[in-house]
């Protein structure tokens, strides 16, 4: 999602709300692999979410509108600016997991919502 901050919203206030959204909402969404927030040189912001599947992203969308933390985050955005785009990807990247005390390295490949692991 690309957006601008609402008039009167400071960067520190927004970043605090973004951290809260990450900790209290995003980190609890099944299938969310990564979420990144960044500010461009033009002052616009972008949040990039990487989902395991389109179904996981759709399920999050259903929870978003009713979540008070998500709505607090949205209240800091210029309501005319949010632009959300979904781009289906086929990715293969390394993932390190730590089940118990054993560290295991594997690659995860995501293609149209289907996950395949390569060890």
N, C-alpha and C. Protein backbone atom coordinates (compact mmCIF):
# COMPACT_ATOMS: atom_id res chain seq x y z
N UNK A 1 0.85 -1.17 0.00
CA UNK A 1 0.00 0.00 0.00
C UNK A 1 0.89 1.23 0.00
N UNK A 2 0.59 2.14 -0.89
CA UNK A 2 1.30 3.41 -0.96
C UNK A 2 0.36 4.50 -0.46
N UNK A 3 0.90 5.47 0.31
CA UNK A 3 0.04 6.49 0.92
C UNK A 3 0.86 7.69 1.39
N UNK A 4 0.12 8.75 1.75
CA UNK A 4 0.70 9.93 2.39
C UNK A 4 0.10 10.02 3.79
N UNK A 5 0.82 10.68 4.68
CA UNK A 5 0.30 10.89 6.02
C UNK A 5 -0.74 12.01 5.99
N UNK A 6 -1.69 11.93 6.90
CA UNK A 6 -2.72 12.97 7.00
C UNK A 6 -2.07 14.27 7.45
N UNK A 7 -2.61 15.40 7.03
CA UNK A 7 -2.08 16.68 7.50
C UNK A 7 -2.07 16.71 9.03
N UNK A 8 -0.97 17.16 9.59
CA UNK A 8 -0.84 17.24 11.04
C UNK A 8 -0.29 15.98 11.68
N UNK A 9 -0.12 14.90 10.93
CA UNK A 9 0.45 13.67 11.47
C UNK A 9 1.96 13.73 11.34
N UNK A 10 2.65 13.65 12.46
CA UNK A 10 4.10 13.66 12.45
C UNK A 10 4.68 12.28 12.19
N UNK A 11 5.92 12.26 11.72
CA UNK A 11 6.58 10.99 11.42
C UNK A 11 6.72 10.11 12.66
N UNK A 12 7.08 10.70 13.81
CA UNK A 12 7.23 9.91 15.03
C UNK A 12 5.91 9.29 15.45
N UNK A 13 4.83 10.05 15.36
CA UNK A 13 3.51 9.53 15.71
C UNK A 13 3.13 8.37 14.79
N UNK A 14 3.39 8.55 13.50
CA UNK A 14 3.07 7.49 12.55
C UNK A 14 3.91 6.24 12.81
N UNK A 15 5.20 6.41 13.02
CA UNK A 15 6.07 5.25 13.23
C UNK A 15 5.70 4.49 14.51
N UNK A 16 5.25 5.22 15.54
CA UNK A 16 4.78 4.55 16.75
C UNK A 16 3.53 3.73 16.45
N UNK A 17 2.61 4.28 15.67
CA UNK A 17 1.40 3.55 15.29
C UNK A 17 1.75 2.36 14.40
N UNK A 18 2.73 2.51 13.53
CA UNK A 18 3.16 1.42 12.66
C UNK A 18 3.76 0.28 13.49
N UNK A 19 4.57 0.63 14.49
CA UNK A 19 5.14 -0.40 15.38
C UNK A 19 4.03 -1.13 16.13
N UNK A 20 3.05 -0.37 16.62
CA UNK A 20 1.93 -0.98 17.33
C UNK A 20 1.16 -1.92 16.40
N UNK A 21 0.92 -1.48 15.17
CA UNK A 21 0.22 -2.32 14.19
C UNK A 21 1.01 -3.60 13.94
N UNK A 22 2.32 -3.48 13.81
CA UNK A 22 3.17 -4.65 13.58
C UNK A 22 3.06 -5.64 14.74
N UNK A 23 3.19 -5.12 15.96
CA UNK A 23 3.24 -5.99 17.14
C UNK A 23 1.86 -6.55 17.52
N UNK A 24 0.82 -5.75 17.42
CA UNK A 24 -0.48 -6.16 17.93
C UNK A 24 -1.43 -6.72 16.87
N UNK A 25 -1.12 -6.48 15.59
CA UNK A 25 -2.00 -6.98 14.54
C UNK A 25 -1.23 -7.85 13.54
N UNK A 26 -0.29 -7.26 12.84
CA UNK A 26 0.39 -7.96 11.73
C UNK A 26 1.09 -9.23 12.18
N UNK A 27 1.80 -9.18 13.30
CA UNK A 27 2.54 -10.35 13.76
C UNK A 27 1.63 -11.54 14.09
N UNK A 28 0.34 -11.31 14.20
CA UNK A 28 -0.61 -12.37 14.56
C UNK A 28 -1.43 -12.86 13.36
N UNK A 29 -1.08 -12.42 12.16
CA UNK A 29 -1.84 -12.80 10.97
C UNK A 29 -1.25 -14.07 10.36
N UNK A 30 -2.05 -15.13 10.29
CA UNK A 30 -1.57 -16.37 9.66
C UNK A 30 -1.16 -16.13 8.21
N UNK A 31 0.01 -16.63 7.85
CA UNK A 31 0.48 -16.54 6.48
C UNK A 31 1.26 -15.29 6.14
N UNK A 32 1.38 -14.33 7.06
CA UNK A 32 2.18 -13.14 6.77
C UNK A 32 3.64 -13.50 6.97
N UNK A 33 4.42 -13.44 5.89
CA UNK A 33 5.82 -13.82 5.93
C UNK A 33 6.73 -12.64 6.26
N UNK A 34 6.36 -11.45 5.78
CA UNK A 34 7.19 -10.26 6.00
C UNK A 34 6.35 -9.02 5.78
N UNK A 35 6.64 -7.98 6.57
CA UNK A 35 5.98 -6.68 6.41
C UNK A 35 7.07 -5.63 6.55
N UNK A 36 7.13 -4.72 5.59
CA UNK A 36 8.15 -3.67 5.57
C UNK A 36 7.49 -2.32 5.33
N UNK A 37 7.89 -1.33 6.10
CA UNK A 37 7.39 0.04 5.94
C UNK A 37 8.58 0.93 5.57
N UNK A 38 8.38 1.81 4.60
CA UNK A 38 9.47 2.71 4.17
C UNK A 38 8.89 4.03 3.68
N UNK A 39 9.69 5.08 3.79
CA UNK A 39 9.31 6.40 3.29
C UNK A 39 10.16 6.74 2.08
N UNK A 40 9.51 7.22 1.04
CA UNK A 40 10.22 7.63 -0.16
C UNK A 40 10.75 9.05 -0.05
N UNK A 41 11.63 9.41 -0.95
CA UNK A 41 12.20 10.76 -0.96
C UNK A 41 11.14 11.83 -1.19
N UNK A 42 10.03 11.44 -1.84
CA UNK A 42 8.95 12.40 -2.12
C UNK A 42 8.01 12.57 -0.93
N UNK A 43 8.26 11.85 0.19
CA UNK A 43 7.42 11.95 1.37
C UNK A 43 6.30 10.94 1.41
N UNK A 44 6.06 10.24 0.31
CA UNK A 44 5.07 9.16 0.31
C UNK A 44 5.64 7.98 1.09
N UNK A 45 4.75 7.17 1.61
CA UNK A 45 5.12 5.96 2.36
C UNK A 45 4.64 4.74 1.61
N UNK A 46 5.25 3.60 1.94
CA UNK A 46 4.82 2.33 1.35
C UNK A 46 4.93 1.25 2.43
N UNK A 47 3.95 0.37 2.44
CA UNK A 47 3.99 -0.84 3.27
C UNK A 47 3.90 -2.01 2.31
N UNK A 48 4.87 -2.91 2.41
CA UNK A 48 4.90 -4.10 1.57
C UNK A 48 4.70 -5.32 2.46
N UNK A 49 3.66 -6.08 2.16
CA UNK A 49 3.39 -7.34 2.87
C UNK A 49 3.67 -8.49 1.92
N UNK A 50 4.35 -9.49 2.41
CA UNK A 50 4.59 -10.71 1.64
C UNK A 50 3.79 -11.82 2.31
N UNK A 51 2.84 -12.38 1.56
CA UNK A 51 1.93 -13.39 2.09
C UNK A 51 2.25 -14.76 1.53
N UNK A 52 1.99 -15.78 2.33
CA UNK A 52 2.17 -17.16 1.90
C UNK A 52 1.19 -17.49 0.78
N UNK A 53 -0.04 -16.91 0.86
CA UNK A 53 -1.04 -17.19 -0.17
C UNK A 53 -2.02 -16.04 -0.27
N UNK A 54 -2.70 -15.97 -1.40
CA UNK A 54 -3.75 -14.96 -1.58
C UNK A 54 -4.87 -15.17 -0.57
N UNK A 55 -5.16 -16.41 -0.22
CA UNK A 55 -6.21 -16.70 0.76
C UNK A 55 -5.84 -16.12 2.13
N UNK A 56 -4.57 -16.18 2.51
CA UNK A 56 -4.14 -15.59 3.78
C UNK A 56 -4.31 -14.07 3.75
N UNK A 57 -3.95 -13.45 2.63
CA UNK A 57 -4.12 -12.00 2.50
C UNK A 57 -5.59 -11.62 2.54
N UNK A 58 -6.44 -12.39 1.88
CA UNK A 58 -7.89 -12.13 1.90
C UNK A 58 -8.45 -12.24 3.31
N UNK A 59 -8.00 -13.24 4.06
CA UNK A 59 -8.48 -13.42 5.43
C UNK A 59 -8.08 -12.23 6.31
N UNK A 60 -6.88 -11.72 6.10
CA UNK A 60 -6.43 -10.54 6.84
C UNK A 60 -7.28 -9.33 6.48
N UNK A 61 -7.59 -9.18 5.21
CA UNK A 61 -8.45 -8.07 4.77
C UNK A 61 -9.78 -8.08 5.51
N UNK A 62 -10.32 -9.26 5.76
CA UNK A 62 -11.59 -9.38 6.47
C UNK A 62 -11.47 -8.89 7.92
N UNK A 63 -10.33 -9.14 8.55
CA UNK A 63 -10.12 -8.72 9.93
C UNK A 63 -9.74 -7.24 10.04
N UNK A 64 -9.13 -6.69 9.01
CA UNK A 64 -8.58 -5.33 9.02
C UNK A 64 -9.63 -4.27 9.38
N UNK A 65 -10.78 -4.32 8.74
CA UNK A 65 -11.79 -3.27 8.93
C UNK A 65 -12.36 -3.23 10.34
N UNK A 66 -12.32 -4.34 11.06
CA UNK A 66 -12.90 -4.39 12.40
C UNK A 66 -11.86 -4.29 13.51
N UNK A 67 -10.60 -4.19 13.16
CA UNK A 67 -9.55 -4.17 14.18
C UNK A 67 -9.25 -2.73 14.62
N UNK A 68 -9.34 -2.43 15.92
CA UNK A 68 -9.11 -1.06 16.38
C UNK A 68 -7.68 -0.57 16.16
N UNK A 69 -6.69 -1.46 16.24
CA UNK A 69 -5.30 -1.06 16.01
C UNK A 69 -5.11 -0.70 14.54
N UNK A 70 -5.66 -1.51 13.64
CA UNK A 70 -5.56 -1.22 12.20
C UNK A 70 -6.27 0.08 11.86
N UNK A 71 -7.40 0.31 12.47
CA UNK A 71 -8.13 1.54 12.18
C UNK A 71 -7.44 2.77 12.78
N UNK A 72 -6.75 2.60 13.90
CA UNK A 72 -5.94 3.69 14.45
C UNK A 72 -4.79 4.05 13.52
N UNK A 73 -4.19 3.05 12.90
CA UNK A 73 -3.14 3.26 11.91
C UNK A 73 -3.71 4.02 10.71
N UNK A 74 -4.86 3.56 10.21
CA UNK A 74 -5.47 4.20 9.03
C UNK A 74 -5.88 5.64 9.30
N UNK A 75 -6.22 5.96 10.54
CA UNK A 75 -6.63 7.32 10.89
C UNK A 75 -5.50 8.33 10.70
N UNK A 76 -4.26 7.85 10.64
CA UNK A 76 -3.11 8.74 10.46
C UNK A 76 -2.75 8.96 9.00
N UNK A 77 -3.47 8.28 8.10
CA UNK A 77 -3.20 8.40 6.67
C UNK A 77 -4.14 9.41 6.03
N UNK A 78 -3.64 10.10 5.01
CA UNK A 78 -4.50 10.93 4.17
C UNK A 78 -5.44 9.98 3.45
N UNK A 79 -6.72 10.03 3.79
CA UNK A 79 -7.70 9.04 3.29
C UNK A 79 -7.84 9.03 1.77
N UNK A 80 -7.41 10.09 1.11
CA UNK A 80 -7.51 10.10 -0.36
C UNK A 80 -6.31 9.43 -1.02
N UNK A 81 -5.29 9.09 -0.22
CA UNK A 81 -4.03 8.63 -0.83
C UNK A 81 -3.80 7.13 -0.87
N UNK A 82 -4.37 6.31 0.03
CA UNK A 82 -3.97 4.89 -0.01
C UNK A 82 -4.26 4.22 -1.35
N UNK A 83 -3.25 3.53 -1.83
CA UNK A 83 -3.35 2.78 -3.08
C UNK A 83 -2.78 1.40 -2.82
N UNK A 84 -3.63 0.40 -2.86
CA UNK A 84 -3.19 -0.97 -2.61
C UNK A 84 -3.13 -1.73 -3.92
N UNK A 85 -2.06 -2.49 -4.09
CA UNK A 85 -1.86 -3.28 -5.30
C UNK A 85 -1.42 -4.67 -4.88
N UNK A 86 -1.98 -5.69 -5.50
CA UNK A 86 -1.53 -7.07 -5.26
C UNK A 86 -0.77 -7.54 -6.48
N UNK A 87 0.38 -8.11 -6.23
CA UNK A 87 1.22 -8.62 -7.30
C UNK A 87 1.53 -10.09 -7.00
N UNK A 88 0.96 -11.03 -7.76
CA UNK A 88 1.29 -12.45 -7.53
C UNK A 88 2.76 -12.69 -7.86
N UNK A 89 3.44 -13.39 -6.97
CA UNK A 89 4.87 -13.64 -7.15
C UNK A 89 5.16 -15.12 -7.05
N UNK A 90 6.24 -15.51 -7.69
CA UNK A 90 6.81 -16.82 -7.49
C UNK A 90 8.20 -16.59 -6.93
N UNK A 91 8.40 -16.96 -5.67
CA UNK A 91 9.66 -16.66 -4.99
C UNK A 91 10.31 -17.92 -4.46
N UNK A 92 11.60 -17.85 -4.34
CA UNK A 92 12.35 -18.91 -3.67
C UNK A 92 13.40 -18.20 -2.83
N UNK A 93 13.37 -18.43 -1.51
CA UNK A 93 14.30 -17.74 -0.65
C UNK A 93 14.65 -18.61 0.55
N UNK A 94 15.83 -18.36 1.16
CA UNK A 94 16.25 -19.17 2.31
C UNK A 94 15.51 -18.74 3.57
N UNK A 95 15.19 -19.72 4.40
CA UNK A 95 14.54 -19.47 5.69
C UNK A 95 15.27 -20.28 6.73
N UNK A 96 15.55 -19.68 7.86
CA UNK A 96 16.15 -20.41 8.98
C UNK A 96 15.09 -20.58 10.04
N UNK A 97 14.86 -21.81 10.47
CA UNK A 97 13.90 -22.09 11.53
C UNK A 97 14.64 -22.65 12.72
N UNK A 98 14.11 -22.42 13.90
CA UNK A 98 14.74 -22.90 15.12
C UNK A 98 13.70 -23.66 15.94
N UNK A 99 13.42 -24.92 15.58
CA UNK A 99 12.50 -25.72 16.38
C UNK A 99 13.23 -26.29 17.59
N UNK A 100 12.87 -25.85 18.77
CA UNK A 100 13.58 -26.28 19.98
C UNK A 100 14.97 -25.69 20.00
N UNK A 101 15.98 -26.53 19.99
CA UNK A 101 17.36 -26.04 20.01
C UNK A 101 18.11 -26.36 18.72
N UNK A 102 17.44 -27.00 17.78
CA UNK A 102 18.09 -27.37 16.53
C UNK A 102 17.83 -26.29 15.49
N UNK A 103 18.89 -25.81 14.86
CA UNK A 103 18.74 -24.83 13.79
C UNK A 103 18.73 -25.58 12.47
N UNK A 104 17.74 -25.30 11.66
CA UNK A 104 17.61 -25.97 10.37
C UNK A 104 17.50 -24.88 9.30
N UNK A 105 18.20 -25.05 8.20
CA UNK A 105 18.14 -24.09 7.10
C UNK A 105 17.45 -24.77 5.93
N UNK A 106 16.51 -24.08 5.35
CA UNK A 106 15.79 -24.63 4.20
C UNK A 106 15.42 -23.48 3.28
N UNK A 107 15.00 -23.82 2.09
CA UNK A 107 14.49 -22.82 1.16
C UNK A 107 12.99 -23.01 1.04
N UNK A 108 12.29 -21.90 0.96
CA UNK A 108 10.85 -21.93 0.77
C UNK A 108 10.55 -21.34 -0.59
N UNK A 109 9.76 -22.03 -1.36
CA UNK A 109 9.35 -21.54 -2.68
C UNK A 109 7.85 -21.31 -2.63
N UNK A 110 7.44 -20.11 -3.02
CA UNK A 110 6.02 -19.76 -3.04
C UNK A 110 5.64 -19.46 -4.48
N UNK A 111 4.63 -20.13 -4.94
CA UNK A 111 4.17 -19.95 -6.32
C UNK A 111 2.67 -20.05 -6.33
N UNK A 112 1.98 -18.93 -6.59
CA UNK A 112 0.52 -18.90 -6.62
C UNK A 112 -0.09 -19.47 -5.35
N UNK A 113 0.52 -19.16 -4.21
CA UNK A 113 -0.04 -19.58 -2.94
C UNK A 113 0.30 -20.99 -2.52
N UNK A 114 1.05 -21.72 -3.33
CA UNK A 114 1.45 -23.07 -2.98
C UNK A 114 2.88 -23.03 -2.46
N UNK A 115 3.08 -23.54 -1.27
CA UNK A 115 4.40 -23.51 -0.66
C UNK A 115 5.08 -24.85 -0.81
N UNK A 116 6.35 -24.83 -1.23
CA UNK A 116 7.15 -26.04 -1.32
C UNK A 116 8.45 -25.80 -0.58
N UNK A 117 8.87 -26.74 0.23
CA UNK A 117 10.12 -26.59 0.98
C UNK A 117 11.20 -27.46 0.36
N UNK A 118 12.40 -26.90 0.29
CA UNK A 118 13.58 -27.60 -0.22
C UNK A 118 14.60 -27.64 0.90
N UNK A 119 15.02 -28.80 1.28
CA UNK A 119 16.00 -28.90 2.40
C UNK A 119 17.37 -29.22 1.85
